[in-house]
Amino acid sequence: MKEETTHFKPSLKLLDATMLVAGSMIGSGIFIVSADITRNVGSAGWLLVVWLITGFMTLTAALSYGELSAMFPKAGGQYIYLKEAYNPLVSFLYGWSFFTVIQTATIAAVGVAFAKFTAYLLPSFSEDLVAIDLGFFTISPAQLLAIGIIILLTYVNSRGVNAGKAIQTTFTVAKLLSLFGLIVFGLFFLDKGIWKANWENMWHLGALNTDGIISPYTTLAAFGAIAAAMVGSIFSSDSWHNVTFIAGEIKNPARNIGLSLALGTIIVTVLYLLTNVMYTGVLSLHDIAYADKDRVAVSAAGHIFGTAGTMIIAVMIMVSTFGCNNGLIMAGARVYYSMGKDGLFFKKVTQLNKNAVPGFGLWIQCVFACLWCLSGRYGDLLDMISFVVVGFYMLTIFGIFILRKKRPDAARPYKAFGYPVLPVIYILMGLAFCILLIVFKPKFTWPGLIITLIGIPVYYLVRKVNTVAPVE
């Protein structure tokens, strides 16, 4: 019989927590999604505006979450905040969406991106090849590699938080330095002709076509294009809140979670903006928009360093996505742990293994993420995830207003910066984003919403099976 423990071990310091925030945010997106953003907005100025809006929203949300994390420094993070502000149904819908779409599909998307860049070095892993042909269904080598990486990192994290911490801190420091180095070299070797051409019509908003012609939008379509463009930037900036899920393993969580959220999101937001400035200095807008398989960073590195540089950047992005998935996998199982404690998930997820981690939760997360790897393309997963994620961010931030009224005397070691103005601005921006996405990109936003709503009957079924009384 396996030896088990009953409590988490606080072993993560502020640096570890900050590296988890930054490392979970920087995966594959910043190296890829600027292509789709540029196709949607058609100019350098609007490219940066999209990243600025996303950066503002991310930082605002992170600073708002600081209040909640200080009030409830428990494993489960956002799931706990929603339960305390609303009721068990709302928190269950988040946990259900987190398990079925948000975390598992993000892990899959980052795993597929890892394989995408591996194929740049080793073409035998290409997503265009067929490894297994079942007649009605084919599996590519890229999908198999993504699955293999997810299984490997799940195993590593099942061995204890220190094993995952070592990978997270090492890989995050490596990718921060690498990304900073790419920015410095790119700006040093900036092409003045390309820079001038890209910034001459910096506020010309329109769809950039393959022939280089920009098709202007009507006013409403322009808002839709910006929302569509933000799908990629929001995905690239997401998962900053993963640190809240592992609150039970962070030393002095009331202080360090909020501080790590602020530090991590600021670092990444600045790096993202500078990276896009660098792109516009070495690549034409057309080259950014139509980079081979959207690998903008590889194209940029090719212009800066030549052929050897593209190999180096491909390895760097593999390191980045590997470290990102480690953070996602490490944090995710703690949400299922909290759900299990409330009787709203498999009871076995509440059991910590001999390494003081929720081993069963890690492995069922692994299974779902692997299934998502087989489901579709990278872009499809982005659209589905971004819509659901922003919806729950809005609910959680609105929860601050609810808790201020419900529990005015509760201890708040840290209060949301800019309250109530900044949280209100975030909610309004998030609402506009979600509405525009439903109107202009319904194909992949509705499935995410439907999956979330399916959680309502599932909640009542689970309550009936487990005879769990709702906590009012």
Protein backbone atom coordinates (compact mmCIF):
# COMPACT_ATOMS: atom_id res chain seq x y z
CA MET A 1 0.00 0.00 0.00
CA LYS A 2 1.30 3.44 -0.98
CA GLU A 3 2.25 5.81 1.75
CA GLU A 4 0.18 9.00 1.71
CA THR A 5 0.28 12.38 3.44
CA THR A 6 -2.65 14.56 4.42
CA HIS A 7 -1.35 18.08 3.93
CA PHE A 8 0.60 20.21 1.48
CA LYS A 9 4.16 21.25 2.33
CA PRO A 10 4.90 25.00 2.05
CA SER A 11 8.20 24.98 0.17
CA LEU A 12 7.90 27.67 -2.53
CA LYS A 13 9.48 31.09 -1.93
CA LEU A 14 8.63 34.43 -3.58
CA LEU A 15 11.11 33.77 -6.41
CA ASP A 16 9.56 30.37 -7.09
CA ALA A 17 6.06 31.87 -7.09
CA THR A 18 7.09 34.71 -9.42
CA MET A 19 8.75 32.26 -11.79
CA LEU A 20 5.55 30.20 -11.79
CA VAL A 21 3.54 33.30 -12.78
CA ALA A 22 5.97 34.34 -15.52
CA GLY A 23 6.73 30.80 -16.64
CA SER A 24 3.06 29.85 -16.97
CA MET A 25 2.40 32.98 -19.02
CA ILE A 26 5.32 32.68 -21.43
CA GLY A 27 4.73 29.58 -23.47
CA SER A 28 4.36 29.59 -27.23
CA GLY A 29 1.97 32.48 -27.84
CA ILE A 30 4.39 35.40 -28.00
CA PHE A 31 6.38 33.58 -30.68
CA ILE A 32 3.33 32.79 -32.84
CA VAL A 33 0.18 34.86 -32.32
CA SER A 34 1.50 38.22 -33.56
CA ALA A 35 0.98 36.79 -37.06
CA ASP A 36 -2.77 36.43 -36.58
CA ILE A 37 -2.99 39.77 -34.76
CA THR A 38 -1.27 41.54 -37.67
CA ARG A 39 -3.55 39.86 -40.20
CA ASN A 40 -6.52 41.22 -38.26
CA VAL A 41 -5.34 44.79 -37.62
CA GLY A 42 -2.91 45.45 -40.48
CA SER A 43 -0.64 48.04 -38.84
CA ALA A 44 2.21 48.31 -36.35
CA GLY A 45 0.40 50.78 -34.12
CA TRP A 46 -2.68 48.60 -33.71
CA LEU A 47 -0.48 45.54 -33.20
CA LEU A 48 0.99 47.22 -30.12
CA VAL A 49 -2.42 48.54 -29.01
CA VAL A 50 -3.77 44.97 -28.91
CA TRP A 51 -0.84 43.92 -26.70
CA LEU A 52 -1.22 47.06 -24.55
CA ILE A 53 -4.93 46.42 -23.97
CA THR A 54 -4.19 42.81 -23.06
CA GLY A 55 -1.33 43.85 -20.78
CA PHE A 56 -3.55 46.39 -19.01
CA MET A 57 -6.31 43.80 -18.53
CA THR A 58 -3.86 41.18 -17.27
CA LEU A 59 -2.15 43.49 -14.80
CA THR A 60 -5.49 44.88 -13.57
CA ALA A 61 -6.83 41.37 -13.02
CA ALA A 62 -3.63 40.27 -11.26
CA LEU A 63 -3.71 43.25 -8.89
CA SER A 64 -7.38 42.58 -8.18
CA TYR A 65 -6.70 38.91 -7.46
CA GLY A 66 -4.11 40.03 -4.93
CA GLU A 67 -6.93 41.00 -2.55
CA LEU A 68 -8.65 37.64 -2.94
CA SER A 69 -5.44 35.64 -2.58
CA ALA A 70 -4.62 37.46 0.66
CA MET A 71 -8.12 36.79 2.02
CA PHE A 72 -8.18 33.11 1.04
CA PRO A 73 -4.61 31.75 0.86
CA LYS A 74 -5.78 28.18 0.20
CA ALA A 75 -5.14 25.55 -2.46
CA GLY A 76 -7.63 26.00 -5.29
CA GLY A 77 -7.27 29.74 -5.91
CA GLN A 78 -9.96 31.04 -8.24
CA TYR A 79 -12.27 28.12 -7.43
CA ILE A 80 -12.20 29.15 -3.75
CA TYR A 81 -12.73 32.84 -4.56
CA LEU A 82 -15.85 32.09 -6.63
CA LYS A 83 -17.26 29.82 -3.93
CA GLU A 84 -16.76 32.46 -1.24
CA ALA A 85 -18.19 35.29 -3.35
CA TYR A 86 -21.09 33.43 -4.94
CA ASN A 87 -22.06 29.82 -4.21
CA PRO A 88 -20.92 26.24 -4.88
CA LEU A 89 -22.68 26.10 -8.27
CA VAL A 90 -20.68 29.01 -9.70
CA SER A 91 -17.41 27.66 -8.35
CA PHE A 92 -18.24 24.19 -9.68
CA LEU A 93 -18.91 25.62 -13.16
CA TYR A 94 -15.46 27.17 -13.03
CA GLY A 95 -13.86 23.93 -11.83
CA TRP A 96 -15.78 21.95 -14.44
CA SER A 97 -14.72 24.36 -17.21
CA PHE A 98 -11.18 24.40 -15.86
CA PHE A 99 -10.96 20.62 -16.07
CA THR A 100 -12.79 20.11 -19.35
CA VAL A 101 -11.55 23.14 -21.32
CA ILE A 102 -9.45 25.84 -19.67
CA GLN A 103 -6.47 24.05 -18.14
CA THR A 104 -6.45 20.79 -20.06
CA ALA A 105 -6.93 22.42 -23.48
CA THR A 106 -4.25 25.01 -22.64
CA ILE A 107 -1.84 22.22 -21.71
CA ALA A 108 -2.68 20.56 -25.02
CA ALA A 109 -2.24 23.78 -27.03
CA VAL A 110 1.17 24.44 -25.47
CA GLY A 111 2.16 20.80 -26.02
CA VAL A 112 1.18 21.02 -29.69
CA ALA A 113 3.18 24.25 -29.97
CA PHE A 114 6.23 22.47 -28.49
CA ALA A 115 5.87 19.84 -31.20
CA LYS A 116 5.41 22.53 -33.84
CA PHE A 117 8.81 24.02 -33.08
CA THR A 118 10.46 20.63 -32.63
CA ALA A 119 9.37 19.89 -36.20
CA TYR A 120 11.35 22.92 -37.32
CA LEU A 121 14.51 21.12 -36.19
CA LEU A 122 13.31 17.55 -36.75
CA PRO A 123 10.87 17.49 -39.70
CA SER A 124 9.84 13.91 -38.87
CA PHE A 125 7.68 15.42 -36.09
CA SER A 126 5.70 17.59 -38.51
CA GLU A 127 1.98 18.06 -37.94
CA ASP A 128 1.54 17.54 -41.70
CA LEU A 129 2.69 13.90 -41.53
CA VAL A 130 0.61 10.89 -40.52
CA ALA A 131 1.94 8.60 -37.78
CA ILE A 132 -1.21 6.55 -37.22
CA ASP A 133 -4.02 6.15 -39.76
CA LEU A 134 -7.22 4.69 -38.34
CA GLY A 135 -9.15 5.28 -41.54
CA PHE A 136 -11.68 7.68 -40.07
CA PHE A 137 -9.05 9.45 -37.97
CA THR A 138 -5.35 10.24 -38.35
CA ILE A 139 -2.76 11.12 -35.73
CA SER A 140 0.34 13.14 -36.57
CA PRO A 141 3.84 12.75 -35.08
CA ALA A 142 3.40 16.25 -33.59
CA GLN A 143 0.34 15.10 -31.66
CA LEU A 144 2.18 12.03 -30.37
CA LEU A 145 5.13 14.17 -29.26
CA ALA A 146 2.80 16.60 -27.46
CA ILE A 147 1.19 13.68 -25.64
CA GLY A 148 4.59 12.29 -24.68
CA ILE A 149 5.72 15.62 -23.19
CA ILE A 150 2.51 15.96 -21.17
CA ILE A 151 2.92 12.44 -19.75
CA LEU A 152 6.58 13.09 -18.89
CA LEU A 153 5.86 16.35 -17.04
CA THR A 154 2.92 14.80 -15.23
CA TYR A 155 5.23 12.05 -13.97
CA VAL A 156 7.84 14.59 -12.84
CA ASN A 157 5.25 16.60 -10.91
CA SER A 158 3.83 13.46 -9.33
CA ARG A 159 7.25 13.05 -7.69
CA GLY A 160 6.72 16.14 -5.53
CA VAL A 161 6.52 19.93 -5.73
CA ASN A 162 10.29 20.35 -5.44
CA ALA A 163 10.84 18.37 -8.64
CA GLY A 164 8.38 20.58 -10.49
CA LYS A 165 9.81 23.71 -8.83
CA ALA A 166 13.33 22.96 -10.05
CA ILE A 167 12.17 22.62 -13.65
CA GLN A 168 9.95 25.70 -13.41
CA THR A 169 12.54 28.09 -12.01
CA THR A 170 15.37 26.85 -14.25
CA PHE A 171 13.37 26.92 -17.46
CA THR A 172 11.67 30.24 -16.69
CA VAL A 173 14.96 32.01 -15.97
CA ALA A 174 16.38 30.53 -19.19
CA LYS A 175 13.49 31.71 -21.34
CA LEU A 176 13.35 35.18 -19.74
CA LEU A 177 17.04 35.68 -20.51
CA SER A 178 16.65 34.24 -24.01
CA LEU A 179 13.66 36.43 -24.83
CA PHE A 180 15.48 39.48 -23.47
CA GLY A 181 18.53 38.56 -25.57
CA LEU A 182 16.38 38.25 -28.71
CA ILE A 183 14.90 41.70 -28.06
CA VAL A 184 18.32 43.31 -27.53
CA PHE A 185 19.87 41.78 -30.65
CA GLY A 186 16.76 42.52 -32.71
CA LEU A 187 16.75 46.19 -31.74
CA PHE A 188 20.52 46.42 -32.27
CA PHE A 189 20.23 45.03 -35.82
CA LEU A 190 17.04 46.97 -36.54
CA ASP A 191 16.44 47.64 -40.26
CA LYS A 192 15.66 51.35 -40.60
CA GLY A 193 13.91 50.87 -43.94
CA ILE A 194 11.58 48.19 -42.58
CA TRP A 195 10.96 50.21 -39.40
CA LYS A 196 10.02 53.32 -41.38
CA ALA A 197 7.71 51.40 -43.73
CA ASN A 198 5.95 49.64 -40.85
CA TRP A 199 5.34 52.81 -38.86
CA GLU A 200 4.40 55.23 -41.67
CA ASN A 201 0.72 54.33 -41.47
CA MET A 202 0.74 53.10 -37.90
CA TRP A 203 -3.00 53.72 -37.26
CA HIS A 204 -4.33 52.27 -40.51
CA LEU A 205 -6.74 49.60 -39.21
CA GLY A 206 -7.75 46.88 -41.66
CA ALA A 207 -7.34 43.26 -42.69
CA LEU A 208 -3.90 42.57 -44.16
CA ASN A 209 -4.29 40.27 -47.17
CA THR A 210 -1.74 37.90 -48.67
CA ASP A 211 -1.07 40.36 -51.51
CA GLY A 212 -0.14 43.08 -49.00
CA ILE A 213 -3.30 45.10 -49.57
CA ILE A 214 -5.12 46.31 -46.44
CA SER A 215 -8.92 46.06 -46.57
CA PRO A 216 -10.51 48.69 -44.28
CA TYR A 217 -13.27 47.77 -41.83
CA THR A 218 -16.61 49.33 -41.03
CA THR A 219 -16.76 50.71 -37.48
CA LEU A 220 -18.45 47.63 -35.99
CA ALA A 221 -16.22 45.22 -37.91
CA ALA A 222 -13.17 47.11 -36.60
CA PHE A 223 -14.18 46.34 -33.01
CA GLY A 224 -14.75 42.72 -34.01
CA ALA A 225 -11.30 42.56 -35.60
CA ILE A 226 -9.65 43.90 -32.44
CA ALA A 227 -11.50 41.32 -30.33
CA ALA A 228 -10.50 38.56 -32.74
CA ALA A 229 -6.89 39.78 -32.61
CA MET A 230 -6.94 39.74 -28.81
CA VAL A 231 -7.71 36.01 -28.72
CA GLY A 232 -4.03 35.30 -29.29
CA SER A 233 -2.66 37.98 -26.96
CA ILE A 234 -5.01 36.97 -24.14
CA PHE A 235 -4.02 33.32 -24.55
CA SER A 236 -0.35 34.36 -24.49
CA SER A 237 -0.89 36.34 -21.28
CA ASP A 238 -3.11 33.79 -19.57
CA SER A 239 -2.36 31.37 -16.71
CA TRP A 240 -0.81 34.13 -14.57
CA HIS A 241 -3.24 33.10 -11.82
CA ASN A 242 -1.91 29.51 -11.62
CA VAL A 243 0.12 30.54 -8.59
CA THR A 244 -3.11 30.98 -6.61
CA PHE A 245 -3.94 27.30 -7.07
CA ILE A 246 -0.90 26.17 -5.10
CA ALA A 247 -1.33 28.61 -2.20
CA GLY A 248 -0.99 25.74 0.28
CA GLU A 249 2.59 25.14 -0.91
CA ILE A 250 3.79 28.77 -0.81
CA LYS A 251 5.56 30.24 2.18
CA ASN A 252 3.76 33.30 3.64
CA PRO A 253 1.00 33.08 0.99
CA ALA A 254 -0.92 36.16 2.17
CA ARG A 255 2.08 38.29 1.14
CA ASN A 256 3.89 36.30 -1.54
CA ILE A 257 0.97 35.35 -3.81
CA GLY A 258 -0.15 38.94 -4.42
CA LEU A 259 3.43 40.13 -4.81
CA SER A 260 4.33 37.35 -7.24
CA LEU A 261 1.20 38.12 -9.30
CA ALA A 262 2.24 41.76 -9.64
CA LEU A 263 5.92 41.07 -10.34
CA GLY A 264 5.32 38.23 -12.78
CA THR A 265 2.68 39.99 -14.87
CA ILE A 266 4.69 43.25 -15.05
CA ILE A 267 7.83 41.42 -16.21
CA VAL A 268 5.98 39.48 -18.90
CA THR A 269 3.89 42.43 -20.13
CA VAL A 270 7.01 44.57 -20.64
CA LEU A 271 8.81 41.73 -22.45
CA TYR A 272 5.81 41.11 -24.71
CA LEU A 273 5.58 44.76 -25.74
CA LEU A 274 9.31 44.99 -26.44
CA THR A 275 9.22 41.74 -28.42
CA ASN A 276 6.55 43.14 -30.74
CA VAL A 277 8.44 46.40 -31.13
CA MET A 278 11.43 44.28 -32.15
CA TYR A 279 9.32 42.31 -34.68
CA THR A 280 8.36 45.56 -36.43
CA GLY A 281 12.02 46.54 -36.69
CA VAL A 282 13.25 43.40 -38.46
CA LEU A 283 10.22 42.09 -40.39
CA SER A 284 7.77 43.79 -42.72
CA LEU A 285 4.13 43.67 -41.64
CA HIS A 286 3.47 41.18 -44.44
CA ASP A 287 6.32 38.94 -43.18
CA ILE A 288 4.93 39.11 -39.65
CA ALA A 289 1.39 38.32 -40.78
CA TYR A 290 2.35 35.48 -43.12
CA ALA A 291 5.37 33.92 -41.42
CA ASP A 292 5.69 30.20 -42.21
CA LYS A 293 3.17 28.38 -39.99
CA ASP A 294 2.89 31.67 -38.01
CA ARG A 295 6.39 31.18 -36.53
CA VAL A 296 7.12 34.91 -36.32
CA ALA A 297 9.99 34.57 -33.84
CA VAL A 298 11.77 32.06 -36.07
CA SER A 299 11.47 34.44 -39.05
CA ALA A 300 12.75 37.33 -36.93
CA ALA A 301 15.70 35.28 -35.68
CA GLY A 302 16.49 34.29 -39.25
CA HIS A 303 16.75 37.95 -40.23
CA ILE A 304 18.87 38.77 -37.19
CA PHE A 305 21.21 35.77 -36.95
CA GLY A 306 20.85 33.87 -40.22
CA THR A 307 20.17 30.13 -40.46
CA ALA A 308 21.93 29.30 -37.20
CA GLY A 309 19.76 31.82 -35.39
CA THR A 310 16.55 30.15 -36.48
CA MET A 311 17.80 26.88 -34.99
CA ILE A 312 18.68 28.62 -31.73
CA ILE A 313 15.30 30.34 -31.46
CA ALA A 314 13.49 27.08 -32.17
CA VAL A 315 15.35 25.45 -29.25
CA MET A 316 14.59 28.48 -27.08
CA ILE A 317 10.87 28.20 -27.84
CA MET A 318 10.95 24.49 -27.09
CA VAL A 319 12.47 25.36 -23.69
CA SER A 320 9.78 28.00 -23.20
CA THR A 321 6.85 25.73 -23.99
CA PHE A 322 8.32 22.88 -21.96
CA GLY A 323 8.64 25.14 -18.89
CA CYS A 324 5.20 26.65 -19.44
CA ASN A 325 3.52 23.25 -19.53
CA ASN A 326 5.35 22.23 -16.39
CA GLY A 327 3.78 25.17 -14.54
CA LEU A 328 0.32 24.47 -15.95
CA ILE A 329 0.47 20.80 -15.01
CA MET A 330 1.85 21.53 -11.53
CA ALA A 331 -0.91 24.01 -10.65
CA GLY A 332 -3.97 22.43 -12.24
CA ALA A 333 -4.44 19.41 -9.99
CA ARG A 334 -4.82 21.64 -6.91
CA VAL A 335 -8.17 22.90 -8.22
CA TYR A 336 -9.51 19.36 -8.51
CA TYR A 337 -8.23 18.76 -4.97
CA SER A 338 -10.40 21.62 -3.66
CA MET A 339 -13.40 20.43 -5.67
CA GLY A 340 -12.97 16.96 -4.22
CA LYS A 341 -12.87 18.41 -0.70
CA ASP A 342 -16.30 19.93 -1.41
CA GLY A 343 -17.61 16.58 -2.62
CA LEU A 344 -17.89 17.87 -6.20
CA PHE A 345 -15.26 15.72 -7.88
CA PHE A 346 -13.74 12.27 -7.58
CA LYS A 347 -12.99 11.63 -3.92
CA LYS A 348 -9.60 10.22 -4.88
CA VAL A 349 -8.34 13.66 -6.01
CA THR A 350 -8.31 14.72 -2.34
CA GLN A 351 -5.66 12.15 -1.51
CA LEU A 352 -2.07 13.35 -1.53
CA ASN A 353 0.56 10.78 -2.43
CA LYS A 354 3.74 10.12 -0.47
CA ASN A 355 5.30 13.17 -2.17
CA ALA A 356 2.53 15.44 -0.79
CA VAL A 357 0.96 16.15 -4.20
CA PRO A 358 -2.47 15.15 -5.59
CA GLY A 359 -1.20 12.36 -7.81
CA PHE A 360 -4.59 11.11 -9.04
CA GLY A 361 -5.60 14.66 -9.98
CA LEU A 362 -2.42 15.06 -11.99
CA TRP A 363 -3.04 11.87 -13.96
CA ILE A 364 -6.69 12.47 -14.83
CA GLN A 365 -5.68 15.98 -15.96
CA CYS A 366 -3.04 14.29 -18.10
CA VAL A 367 -5.63 12.02 -19.75
CA PHE A 368 -7.93 14.92 -20.68
CA ALA A 369 -5.05 17.05 -21.96
CA CYS A 370 -3.88 14.18 -24.16
CA LEU A 371 -7.38 13.81 -25.58
CA TRP A 372 -7.39 17.54 -26.42
CA CYS A 373 -4.10 17.03 -28.27
CA LEU A 374 -5.99 14.75 -30.64
CA SER A 375 -8.96 17.09 -31.03
CA GLY A 376 -7.87 19.91 -33.29
CA ARG A 377 -5.49 22.62 -34.26
CA TYR A 378 -3.73 25.20 -32.11
CA GLY A 379 -5.88 28.14 -33.26
CA ASP A 380 -9.14 26.32 -32.56
CA LEU A 381 -8.11 25.73 -28.96
CA LEU A 382 -7.12 29.40 -28.55
CA ASP A 383 -10.57 30.65 -29.51
CA MET A 384 -12.38 28.22 -27.24
CA ILE A 385 -10.16 28.90 -24.22
CA SER A 386 -9.96 32.71 -24.38
CA PHE A 387 -13.72 33.26 -24.33
CA VAL A 388 -14.36 31.01 -21.30
CA VAL A 389 -11.32 32.29 -19.40
CA VAL A 390 -12.22 35.97 -19.67
CA GLY A 391 -15.81 35.20 -18.63
CA PHE A 392 -14.66 33.67 -15.35
CA TYR A 393 -12.09 36.43 -14.78
CA MET A 394 -14.94 38.96 -14.92
CA LEU A 395 -17.03 36.94 -12.47
CA THR A 396 -14.11 36.60 -10.07
CA ILE A 397 -13.22 40.29 -10.15
CA PHE A 398 -16.88 41.23 -9.63
CA GLY A 399 -16.67 38.93 -6.60
CA ILE A 400 -14.46 41.55 -4.95
CA PHE A 401 -17.42 43.95 -4.90
CA ILE A 402 -19.68 41.22 -3.50
CA LEU A 403 -17.23 40.30 -0.73
CA ARG A 404 -16.66 43.93 0.22
CA LYS A 405 -20.41 44.13 0.88
CA LYS A 406 -20.91 40.65 2.38
CA ARG A 407 -17.82 40.71 4.56
CA PRO A 408 -16.85 44.33 5.19
CA ASP A 409 -14.91 43.45 8.34
CA ALA A 410 -12.97 40.50 6.92
CA ALA A 411 -9.18 40.73 7.14
CA ARG A 412 -7.72 42.12 3.91
CA PRO A 413 -3.91 42.19 4.19
CA TYR A 414 -3.88 43.61 0.68
CA LYS A 415 -6.60 45.58 -1.11
CA ALA A 416 -7.19 45.65 -4.87
CA PHE A 417 -5.18 48.46 -6.47
CA GLY A 418 -7.37 51.13 -8.07
CA TYR A 419 -10.60 49.78 -6.56
CA PRO A 420 -13.32 50.32 -7.70
CA VAL A 421 -12.28 52.04 -10.95
CA LEU A 422 -9.79 49.52 -12.37
CA PRO A 423 -11.90 46.42 -11.61
CA VAL A 424 -14.92 48.09 -13.27
CA ILE A 425 -12.85 48.96 -16.34
CA TYR A 426 -11.66 45.36 -16.57
CA ILE A 427 -15.21 44.00 -16.35
CA LEU A 428 -16.45 46.38 -19.08
CA MET A 429 -13.51 45.54 -21.37
CA GLY A 430 -13.94 41.82 -20.76
CA LEU A 431 -17.67 42.03 -21.47
CA ALA A 432 -17.05 43.85 -24.75
CA PHE A 433 -14.43 41.26 -25.73
CA CYS A 434 -16.76 38.31 -25.06
CA ILE A 435 -19.74 39.85 -26.89
CA LEU A 436 -17.65 40.73 -29.94
CA LEU A 437 -16.14 37.24 -29.97
CA ILE A 438 -19.60 35.64 -29.95
CA VAL A 439 -20.65 37.86 -32.87
CA PHE A 440 -17.53 37.59 -35.01
CA LYS A 441 -15.99 34.22 -34.07
CA PRO A 442 -18.94 32.06 -33.00
CA LYS A 443 -17.63 28.80 -34.43
CA PHE A 444 -15.24 28.15 -31.55
CA THR A 445 -16.65 30.38 -28.81
CA TRP A 446 -20.03 28.69 -28.53
CA PRO A 447 -18.54 25.23 -27.88
CA GLY A 448 -16.67 26.58 -24.86
CA LEU A 449 -19.84 28.22 -23.52
CA ILE A 450 -21.88 25.08 -24.12
CA ILE A 451 -19.32 22.92 -22.29
CA THR A 452 -19.51 25.33 -19.34
CA LEU A 453 -23.32 25.26 -19.25
CA ILE A 454 -23.34 21.45 -19.40
CA GLY A 455 -21.77 21.74 -15.95
CA ILE A 456 -25.12 22.85 -14.47
CA PRO A 457 -26.90 19.46 -14.75
CA VAL A 458 -23.59 17.75 -13.92
CA TYR A 459 -23.42 19.77 -10.68
CA TYR A 460 -26.86 18.64 -9.53
CA LEU A 461 -26.13 15.06 -10.56
CA VAL A 462 -22.87 15.05 -8.57
CA ARG A 463 -24.62 16.58 -5.56
CA LYS A 464 -27.30 13.89 -5.72
CA VAL A 465 -24.77 11.08 -6.03
CA ASN A 466 -22.58 12.43 -3.25
CA THR A 467 -25.50 13.83 -1.22
CA VAL A 468 -23.65 17.11 -0.82
CA ALA A 469 -25.75 19.89 0.65
CA PRO A 470 -25.16 23.31 -0.94
CA VAL A 471 -23.31 25.83 1.20
CA GLU A 472 -25.25 29.05 1.24
